[in-house]
Structure formats: structure tokens, C-alpha cells
Amino acid sequence: MNTRASPSTTTRCLCAGIVITGLLTVAVLVEAPARAGTPSIFEPAPFGTTDGRQIYEHICQGCHMPDAGGAVGAGHYPALVGDPTLVSRQYMALTLLKGRRNMPAFGAKHAIGFAGPPATLSSAQIAAVVNYVRTHFGNHYKDVLTAAEVATLDEGTH
């Protein structure tokens, strides 16, 4: 007597197991209780620090690289090292608020999420990361961008 299952029986059992696992996962996700204080997947996801270096390291360096040298590959990510466009702190703030070319927007009014909630930065966070980049990576700009300036720039954009 042959006690081994036929390949078609094994395949059906495997497929049934995958379907059951998927259904159980969906059931758990649907029935999971909402936790107070946690955003839904459709709400903007704020970043919790106002330290310009930390914001750069967690958000910006993925494209502009840890040394701010930029990159070319699946896209073009400009170098921020000695970048003459950084002379305008407003230009940088607007770029972060609204995005530019392939750079995403980080302003709450302008950010769009694709695989979840968009990452957003407050006016204070945008000012902090702009000031950090403008005083590091071979950049030596002394004038400081304030959160109030960023908020004013954001009010003027739609």
C-alpha cells in the first residue's frame, strides 16, 4: 500500500494552507483594535525630532548620501556638498515643503504617500535640516532660517 500523497494532493494541501494563512492574517489585521494616539495608514507620519543632523541622517541621506555627495543610478540625487543653490535658504525650504522634480514634498499640505502615510516635517524641522545642510558638507552659510519663515513660505504656496 502506497501511503505517499500524490503530487496533486500535495499541491492542493499547500495551496489550501497558503489561503488559510492569508485569511487568518487578514482577519487579525481587520479585527485588531485601534490604539489611541497612533495615526491611521492614511494620515501623515510626523518625524519626532527637531535635530537637523538626525533629520538629515534619517530622511535625506538615503538619496543625497551620508557625505551629501549625491548619487546617480535609478535617479539623479544632487550633491549638497558646496552646492551654490544653498545660498538661498528660502529655495531649500520651498524644495522641502513642496518637492522639486523627483524629490518628494515634506510639507504637510503637499506630501503624498504611496505605500503608506507620507513623511511630513514641521516648519521647525524643515528649518533645522536646512540650517544643518547649509553649515555642513563644505557649506558655510551663516544666515539662519527660522520656523516662522518656513511657515510664511508655506502659507504663500498652494
N, C-alpha and C. Protein backbone atom coordinates (compact mmCIF):
# COMPACT_ATOMS: atom_id res chain seq x y z
N MET A 1 0.84 -1.16 0.00
CA MET A 1 0.00 0.00 0.00
C MET A 1 0.89 1.23 0.00
N ASN A 2 0.58 2.16 -0.87
CA ASN A 2 1.35 3.39 -1.01
C ASN A 2 0.73 4.46 -0.12
N THR A 3 1.48 4.94 0.89
CA THR A 3 0.95 5.94 1.81
C THR A 3 1.38 7.35 1.44
N ARG A 4 2.15 7.50 0.41
CA ARG A 4 2.59 8.83 -0.01
C ARG A 4 1.49 9.52 -0.79
N ALA A 5 1.34 10.83 -0.55
CA ALA A 5 0.34 11.61 -1.26
C ALA A 5 0.82 11.88 -2.67
N SER A 6 -0.12 11.95 -3.58
CA SER A 6 0.24 12.26 -4.96
C SER A 6 0.66 13.72 -5.05
N PRO A 7 1.42 14.07 -6.08
CA PRO A 7 1.84 15.47 -6.22
C PRO A 7 0.65 16.43 -6.28
N SER A 8 -0.43 16.03 -6.91
CA SER A 8 -1.57 16.94 -7.00
C SER A 8 -2.22 17.12 -5.62
N THR A 9 -2.24 16.11 -4.78
CA THR A 9 -2.79 16.23 -3.43
C THR A 9 -1.89 17.14 -2.60
N THR A 10 -0.59 16.98 -2.73
CA THR A 10 0.36 17.81 -2.00
C THR A 10 0.21 19.28 -2.41
N THR A 11 0.07 19.51 -3.70
CA THR A 11 -0.09 20.87 -4.20
C THR A 11 -1.38 21.49 -3.67
N ARG A 12 -2.48 20.71 -3.67
CA ARG A 12 -3.75 21.24 -3.15
C ARG A 12 -3.64 21.57 -1.67
N CYS A 13 -2.99 20.72 -0.91
CA CYS A 13 -2.82 20.97 0.52
C CYS A 13 -1.98 22.22 0.77
N LEU A 14 -0.92 22.38 0.00
CA LEU A 14 -0.06 23.55 0.13
C LEU A 14 -0.83 24.83 -0.21
N CYS A 15 -1.58 24.80 -1.29
CA CYS A 15 -2.37 25.97 -1.69
C CYS A 15 -3.42 26.28 -0.63
N ALA A 16 -4.07 25.28 -0.10
CA ALA A 16 -5.08 25.48 0.94
C ALA A 16 -4.44 26.10 2.19
N GLY A 17 -3.25 25.63 2.53
CA GLY A 17 -2.54 26.19 3.69
C GLY A 17 -2.19 27.66 3.49
N ILE A 18 -1.76 28.00 2.29
CA ILE A 18 -1.44 29.40 1.99
C ILE A 18 -2.69 30.27 2.07
N VAL A 19 -3.79 29.80 1.52
CA VAL A 19 -5.05 30.56 1.56
C VAL A 19 -5.52 30.75 2.99
N ILE A 20 -5.47 29.70 3.78
CA ILE A 20 -5.92 29.79 5.18
C ILE A 20 -5.03 30.76 5.95
N THR A 21 -3.73 30.68 5.75
CA THR A 21 -2.81 31.61 6.42
C THR A 21 -3.11 33.05 6.03
N GLY A 22 -3.35 33.29 4.76
CA GLY A 22 -3.69 34.63 4.29
C GLY A 22 -4.99 35.14 4.90
N LEU A 23 -6.01 34.28 4.96
CA LEU A 23 -7.29 34.68 5.54
C LEU A 23 -7.15 34.98 7.03
N LEU A 24 -6.38 34.18 7.74
CA LEU A 24 -6.17 34.43 9.17
C LEU A 24 -5.42 35.74 9.39
N THR A 25 -4.45 36.03 8.54
CA THR A 25 -3.71 37.29 8.66
C THR A 25 -4.64 38.48 8.44
N VAL A 26 -5.47 38.41 7.41
CA VAL A 26 -6.43 39.49 7.15
C VAL A 26 -7.39 39.63 8.31
N ALA A 27 -7.87 38.52 8.86
CA ALA A 27 -8.80 38.59 9.98
C ALA A 27 -8.17 39.26 11.20
N VAL A 28 -6.92 38.95 11.46
CA VAL A 28 -6.23 39.57 12.59
C VAL A 28 -6.06 41.06 12.35
N LEU A 29 -5.68 41.45 11.14
CA LEU A 29 -5.49 42.86 10.85
C LEU A 29 -6.79 43.64 10.90
N VAL A 30 -7.86 43.06 10.42
CA VAL A 30 -9.16 43.74 10.42
C VAL A 30 -9.71 43.85 11.83
N GLU A 31 -9.52 42.82 12.63
CA GLU A 31 -10.07 42.80 13.97
C GLU A 31 -9.16 43.41 15.02
N ALA A 32 -7.96 43.82 14.62
CA ALA A 32 -7.03 44.41 15.60
C ALA A 32 -7.62 45.72 16.12
N PRO A 33 -7.61 45.90 17.43
CA PRO A 33 -8.19 47.13 17.98
C PRO A 33 -7.32 48.33 17.64
N ALA A 34 -7.97 49.46 17.38
CA ALA A 34 -7.23 50.70 17.14
C ALA A 34 -6.60 51.15 18.45
N ARG A 35 -5.39 51.62 18.38
CA ARG A 35 -4.70 52.10 19.57
C ARG A 35 -4.77 53.61 19.60
N ALA A 36 -5.12 54.14 20.72
CA ALA A 36 -5.20 55.59 20.86
C ALA A 36 -3.84 56.22 20.60
N GLY A 37 -3.84 57.31 19.89
CA GLY A 37 -2.60 58.04 19.66
C GLY A 37 -1.78 57.54 18.49
N THR A 38 -2.25 56.52 17.77
CA THR A 38 -1.49 56.06 16.61
C THR A 38 -2.22 56.50 15.36
N PRO A 39 -1.49 57.05 14.37
CA PRO A 39 -2.15 57.51 13.16
C PRO A 39 -2.60 56.34 12.30
N SER A 40 -3.63 56.56 11.51
CA SER A 40 -4.04 55.53 10.56
C SER A 40 -3.02 55.51 9.44
N ILE A 41 -3.13 54.52 8.57
CA ILE A 41 -2.15 54.44 7.48
C ILE A 41 -2.34 55.55 6.45
N PHE A 42 -3.44 56.30 6.54
CA PHE A 42 -3.68 57.36 5.58
C PHE A 42 -3.33 58.74 6.12
N GLU A 43 -2.94 58.85 7.37
CA GLU A 43 -2.59 60.14 7.96
C GLU A 43 -1.09 60.36 7.82
N PRO A 44 -0.69 61.64 7.71
CA PRO A 44 0.75 61.93 7.62
C PRO A 44 1.50 61.39 8.84
N ALA A 45 2.73 60.95 8.60
CA ALA A 45 3.55 60.40 9.67
C ALA A 45 4.61 61.43 10.06
N PRO A 46 4.39 62.17 11.14
CA PRO A 46 5.38 63.16 11.53
C PRO A 46 6.65 62.51 12.07
N PHE A 47 7.75 63.18 11.87
CA PHE A 47 9.05 62.72 12.37
C PHE A 47 9.28 63.41 13.70
N GLY A 48 9.75 62.72 14.72
CA GLY A 48 9.73 63.22 16.08
C GLY A 48 10.92 63.98 16.62
N THR A 49 11.77 64.58 15.80
CA THR A 49 12.91 65.32 16.32
C THR A 49 13.05 66.66 15.59
N THR A 50 13.68 67.60 16.24
CA THR A 50 14.00 68.87 15.57
C THR A 50 15.51 69.05 15.44
N ASP A 51 16.25 67.97 15.54
CA ASP A 51 17.69 67.99 15.36
C ASP A 51 18.00 67.83 13.87
N GLY A 52 18.58 68.87 13.26
CA GLY A 52 18.84 68.85 11.83
C GLY A 52 19.70 67.69 11.38
N ARG A 53 20.70 67.33 12.16
CA ARG A 53 21.57 66.20 11.81
C ARG A 53 20.77 64.90 11.78
N GLN A 54 19.94 64.67 12.79
CA GLN A 54 19.14 63.44 12.83
C GLN A 54 18.15 63.38 11.68
N ILE A 55 17.53 64.51 11.36
CA ILE A 55 16.59 64.54 10.24
C ILE A 55 17.34 64.21 8.95
N TYR A 56 18.50 64.81 8.75
CA TYR A 56 19.30 64.51 7.56
C TYR A 56 19.63 63.02 7.50
N GLU A 57 20.10 62.48 8.61
CA GLU A 57 20.52 61.08 8.63
C GLU A 57 19.36 60.11 8.42
N HIS A 58 18.18 60.44 8.89
CA HIS A 58 17.04 59.52 8.77
C HIS A 58 16.24 59.71 7.49
N ILE A 59 16.25 60.89 6.92
CA ILE A 59 15.41 61.13 5.75
C ILE A 59 16.23 61.46 4.50
N CYS A 60 17.17 62.36 4.61
CA CYS A 60 17.84 62.92 3.43
C CYS A 60 18.98 62.06 2.88
N GLN A 61 19.76 61.47 3.77
CA GLN A 61 20.97 60.79 3.31
C GLN A 61 20.68 59.54 2.50
N GLY A 62 19.48 59.03 2.56
CA GLY A 62 19.13 57.87 1.73
C GLY A 62 19.31 58.16 0.24
N CYS A 63 19.07 59.39 -0.15
CA CYS A 63 19.24 59.80 -1.55
C CYS A 63 20.50 60.64 -1.76
N HIS A 64 20.74 61.59 -0.87
CA HIS A 64 21.87 62.51 -1.04
C HIS A 64 23.17 61.95 -0.50
N MET A 65 23.13 60.80 0.14
CA MET A 65 24.27 60.06 0.67
C MET A 65 24.76 60.64 1.99
N PRO A 66 25.39 59.80 2.84
CA PRO A 66 25.86 60.25 4.16
C PRO A 66 26.82 61.44 4.09
N ASP A 67 27.62 61.51 3.02
CA ASP A 67 28.57 62.61 2.89
C ASP A 67 28.00 63.77 2.07
N ALA A 68 26.71 63.69 1.72
CA ALA A 68 25.99 64.69 0.91
C ALA A 68 26.57 64.82 -0.49
N GLY A 69 27.28 63.78 -0.93
CA GLY A 69 27.90 63.80 -2.25
C GLY A 69 26.96 63.52 -3.40
N GLY A 70 25.70 63.18 -3.10
CA GLY A 70 24.74 62.88 -4.16
C GLY A 70 24.98 61.52 -4.77
N ALA A 71 24.13 61.17 -5.72
CA ALA A 71 24.24 59.86 -6.37
C ALA A 71 23.53 59.90 -7.71
N VAL A 72 23.93 58.99 -8.59
CA VAL A 72 23.25 58.78 -9.86
C VAL A 72 23.06 57.29 -9.99
N GLY A 73 21.87 56.89 -10.36
CA GLY A 73 21.56 55.48 -10.51
C GLY A 73 20.14 55.39 -11.02
N ALA A 74 19.22 54.94 -10.17
CA ALA A 74 17.82 54.88 -10.55
C ALA A 74 17.25 56.29 -10.72
N GLY A 75 17.96 57.26 -10.23
CA GLY A 75 17.58 58.66 -10.35
C GLY A 75 18.81 59.52 -10.20
N HIS A 76 18.61 60.83 -10.26
CA HIS A 76 19.73 61.77 -10.04
C HIS A 76 19.47 62.48 -8.73
N TYR A 77 20.37 62.32 -7.77
CA TYR A 77 20.24 62.93 -6.46
C TYR A 77 21.40 63.91 -6.33
N PRO A 78 21.11 65.20 -6.39
CA PRO A 78 22.20 66.17 -6.44
C PRO A 78 23.04 66.21 -5.17
N ALA A 79 24.29 66.52 -5.37
CA ALA A 79 25.21 66.69 -4.24
C ALA A 79 24.84 67.97 -3.52
N LEU A 80 24.93 67.95 -2.21
CA LEU A 80 24.71 69.13 -1.39
C LEU A 80 26.04 69.71 -0.91
N VAL A 81 27.12 69.05 -1.25
CA VAL A 81 28.46 69.50 -0.89
C VAL A 81 28.80 70.74 -1.71
N GLY A 82 29.01 71.86 -1.02
CA GLY A 82 29.38 73.09 -1.71
C GLY A 82 28.38 73.51 -2.78
N ASP A 83 27.12 73.19 -2.63
CA ASP A 83 26.09 73.49 -3.61
C ASP A 83 25.75 74.98 -3.60
N PRO A 84 25.97 75.70 -4.72
CA PRO A 84 25.72 77.14 -4.73
C PRO A 84 24.24 77.51 -4.59
N THR A 85 23.32 76.59 -4.89
CA THR A 85 21.90 76.92 -4.72
C THR A 85 21.52 77.04 -3.24
N LEU A 86 22.39 76.53 -2.37
CA LEU A 86 22.10 76.61 -0.94
C LEU A 86 22.27 78.02 -0.39
N VAL A 87 22.76 78.94 -1.22
CA VAL A 87 22.86 80.32 -0.79
C VAL A 87 21.47 80.86 -0.41
N SER A 88 20.43 80.33 -1.04
CA SER A 88 19.07 80.76 -0.74
C SER A 88 18.41 79.77 0.21
N ARG A 89 18.28 80.17 1.45
CA ARG A 89 17.62 79.29 2.43
C ARG A 89 16.15 79.11 2.08
N GLN A 90 15.53 80.12 1.44
CA GLN A 90 14.13 80.01 1.04
C GLN A 90 13.96 78.96 -0.06
N TYR A 91 14.92 78.91 -0.99
CA TYR A 91 14.88 77.91 -2.05
C TYR A 91 14.89 76.51 -1.45
N MET A 92 15.76 76.30 -0.48
CA MET A 92 15.84 75.00 0.17
C MET A 92 14.54 74.68 0.91
N ALA A 93 14.01 75.66 1.63
CA ALA A 93 12.78 75.44 2.39
C ALA A 93 11.62 75.08 1.46
N LEU A 94 11.49 75.82 0.35
CA LEU A 94 10.42 75.52 -0.60
C LEU A 94 10.60 74.15 -1.24
N THR A 95 11.85 73.76 -1.49
CA THR A 95 12.12 72.43 -2.03
C THR A 95 11.65 71.36 -1.07
N LEU A 96 11.91 71.53 0.21
CA LEU A 96 11.45 70.56 1.20
C LEU A 96 9.94 70.61 1.39
N LEU A 97 9.36 71.79 1.39
CA LEU A 97 7.92 71.92 1.57
C LEU A 97 7.13 71.28 0.42
N LYS A 98 7.49 71.64 -0.81
CA LYS A 98 6.69 71.28 -1.98
C LYS A 98 7.30 70.20 -2.86
N GLY A 99 8.56 69.86 -2.62
CA GLY A 99 9.23 68.91 -3.50
C GLY A 99 9.75 69.62 -4.74
N ARG A 100 10.56 68.95 -5.51
CA ARG A 100 11.10 69.52 -6.74
C ARG A 100 11.57 68.36 -7.60
N ARG A 101 11.14 68.37 -8.84
CA ARG A 101 11.45 67.29 -9.77
C ARG A 101 11.09 65.95 -9.14
N ASN A 102 12.05 65.11 -8.86
CA ASN A 102 11.75 63.80 -8.27
C ASN A 102 11.87 63.77 -6.75
N MET A 103 12.17 64.91 -6.14
CA MET A 103 12.25 64.94 -4.68
C MET A 103 10.84 65.09 -4.11
N PRO A 104 10.49 64.26 -3.15
CA PRO A 104 9.14 64.35 -2.58
C PRO A 104 8.96 65.59 -1.72
N ALA A 105 7.72 66.00 -1.57
CA ALA A 105 7.37 67.11 -0.68
C ALA A 105 7.28 66.58 0.75
N PHE A 106 7.75 67.39 1.70
CA PHE A 106 7.67 67.02 3.11
C PHE A 106 6.77 67.96 3.90
N GLY A 107 6.21 68.97 3.26
CA GLY A 107 5.25 69.84 3.92
C GLY A 107 3.92 69.12 4.05
N ALA A 108 3.25 69.28 5.18
CA ALA A 108 2.00 68.54 5.44
C ALA A 108 0.94 68.81 4.38
N LYS A 109 0.90 70.02 3.83
CA LYS A 109 -0.10 70.35 2.80
C LYS A 109 0.25 69.76 1.45
N HIS A 110 1.47 69.34 1.25
CA HIS A 110 1.93 68.96 -0.08
C HIS A 110 2.38 67.50 -0.20
N ALA A 111 2.67 66.85 0.91
CA ALA A 111 3.23 65.49 0.88
C ALA A 111 2.18 64.49 0.41
N ILE A 112 2.63 63.51 -0.35
CA ILE A 112 1.77 62.44 -0.85
C ILE A 112 2.40 61.12 -0.47
N GLY A 113 1.63 60.24 0.15
CA GLY A 113 2.13 58.91 0.49
C GLY A 113 1.80 57.93 -0.62
N PHE A 114 2.70 56.99 -0.89
CA PHE A 114 2.46 55.99 -1.91
C PHE A 114 2.26 54.61 -1.32
N ALA A 115 3.09 54.23 -0.41
CA ALA A 115 2.99 52.90 0.20
C ALA A 115 2.64 53.04 1.68
N GLY A 116 1.88 54.05 2.01
CA GLY A 116 1.53 54.34 3.39
C GLY A 116 1.44 55.83 3.57
N PRO A 117 1.45 56.27 4.80
CA PRO A 117 1.32 57.70 5.03
C PRO A 117 2.56 58.46 4.58
N PRO A 118 2.37 59.69 4.12
CA PRO A 118 3.55 60.47 3.72
C PRO A 118 4.35 60.90 4.93
N ALA A 119 5.64 60.98 4.77
CA ALA A 119 6.50 61.53 5.83
C ALA A 119 6.38 63.04 5.75
N THR A 120 6.12 63.67 6.88
CA THR A 120 5.99 65.13 6.88
C THR A 120 6.93 65.73 7.91
N LEU A 121 7.33 66.95 7.64
CA LEU A 121 8.18 67.69 8.56
C LEU A 121 7.49 68.99 8.93
N SER A 122 7.62 69.40 10.17
CA SER A 122 7.07 70.66 10.62
C SER A 122 7.96 71.81 10.13
N SER A 123 7.47 73.02 10.30
CA SER A 123 8.28 74.20 9.93
C SER A 123 9.59 74.22 10.69
N ALA A 124 9.55 73.88 11.98
CA ALA A 124 10.77 73.85 12.80
C ALA A 124 11.74 72.79 12.31
N GLN A 125 11.24 71.64 11.89
CA GLN A 125 12.10 70.57 11.40
C GLN A 125 12.73 70.94 10.06
N ILE A 126 11.94 71.56 9.19
CA ILE A 126 12.48 71.99 7.90
C ILE A 126 13.57 73.03 8.12
N ALA A 127 13.32 73.99 9.00
CA ALA A 127 14.34 75.00 9.30
C ALA A 127 15.60 74.33 9.85
N ALA A 128 15.43 73.35 10.73
CA ALA A 128 16.59 72.69 11.35
C ALA A 128 17.44 71.95 10.32
N VAL A 129 16.82 71.21 9.42
CA VAL A 129 17.60 70.45 8.45
C VAL A 129 18.22 71.37 7.40
N VAL A 130 17.51 72.43 7.02
CA VAL A 130 18.09 73.41 6.09
C VAL A 130 19.33 74.05 6.72
N ASN A 131 19.21 74.47 7.97
CA ASN A 131 20.34 75.09 8.66
C ASN A 131 21.50 74.11 8.82
N TYR A 132 21.19 72.85 9.07
CA TYR A 132 22.25 71.84 9.20
C TYR A 132 23.01 71.68 7.89
N VAL A 133 22.29 71.49 6.79
CA VAL A 133 22.94 71.28 5.50
C VAL A 133 23.73 72.51 5.08
N ARG A 134 23.21 73.69 5.37
CA ARG A 134 23.88 74.94 4.97
C ARG A 134 25.13 75.23 5.80
N THR A 135 25.34 74.51 6.90
CA THR A 135 26.53 74.73 7.75
C THR A 135 27.43 73.49 7.82
N HIS A 136 27.14 72.49 7.02
CA HIS A 136 27.94 71.27 6.99
C HIS A 136 28.24 70.90 5.53
N PHE A 137 29.03 69.88 5.33
CA PHE A 137 29.35 69.35 4.00
C PHE A 137 30.05 70.39 3.12
N GLY A 138 30.90 71.20 3.71
CA GLY A 138 31.62 72.21 2.95
C GLY A 138 30.82 73.48 2.70
N ASN A 139 29.66 73.59 3.30
CA ASN A 139 28.83 74.79 3.19
C ASN A 139 29.04 75.63 4.44
N HIS A 140 29.16 76.93 4.26
CA HIS A 140 29.46 77.80 5.40
C HIS A 140 28.55 79.03 5.43
N TYR A 141 27.27 78.83 5.21
CA TYR A 141 26.33 79.95 5.23
C TYR A 141 25.97 80.27 6.68
N LYS A 142 26.06 81.52 7.03
CA LYS A 142 25.86 81.94 8.43
C LYS A 142 24.42 82.35 8.74
N ASP A 143 23.68 82.83 7.72
CA ASP A 143 22.31 83.27 7.99
C ASP A 143 21.43 82.05 8.29
N VAL A 144 20.53 82.22 9.25
CA VAL A 144 19.74 81.10 9.78
C VAL A 144 18.30 81.22 9.31
N LEU A 145 17.73 80.11 8.90
CA LEU A 145 16.32 80.02 8.55
C LEU A 145 15.53 79.75 9.82
N THR A 146 14.42 80.44 10.01
CA THR A 146 13.58 80.21 11.19
C THR A 146 12.32 79.45 10.81
N ALA A 147 11.72 78.83 11.81
CA ALA A 147 10.46 78.12 11.59
C ALA A 147 9.37 79.08 11.12
N ALA A 148 9.39 80.31 11.64
CA ALA A 148 8.40 81.31 11.22
C ALA A 148 8.53 81.63 9.73
N GLU A 149 9.78 81.71 9.22
CA GLU A 149 9.98 81.94 7.79
C GLU A 149 9.43 80.79 6.96
N VAL A 150 9.66 79.57 7.42
CA VAL A 150 9.15 78.40 6.70
C VAL A 150 7.63 78.43 6.69
N ALA A 151 7.01 78.74 7.81
CA ALA A 151 5.55 78.80 7.89
C ALA A 151 5.01 79.87 6.94
N THR A 152 5.68 81.01 6.86
CA THR A 152 5.26 82.08 5.96
C THR A 152 5.38 81.63 4.51
N LEU A 153 6.47 80.95 4.18
CA LEU A 153 6.63 80.42 2.81
C LEU A 153 5.53 79.42 2.48
N ASP A 154 5.17 78.59 3.45
CA ASP A 154 4.15 77.58 3.24
C ASP A 154 2.77 78.21 3.08
N GLU A 155 2.52 79.29 3.77
CA GLU A 155 1.23 79.98 3.64
C GLU A 155 1.06 80.54 2.23
N GLY A 156 2.15 80.92 1.61
CA GLY A 156 2.09 81.50 0.28
C GLY A 156 2.05 80.48 -0.84
N THR A 157 2.08 79.18 -0.52
CA THR A 157 2.06 78.13 -1.55
C THR A 157 0.76 77.36 -1.50
N HIS A 158 0.37 76.84 -2.64
CA HIS A 158 -0.87 76.04 -2.69
C HIS A 158 -0.68 74.83 -3.55
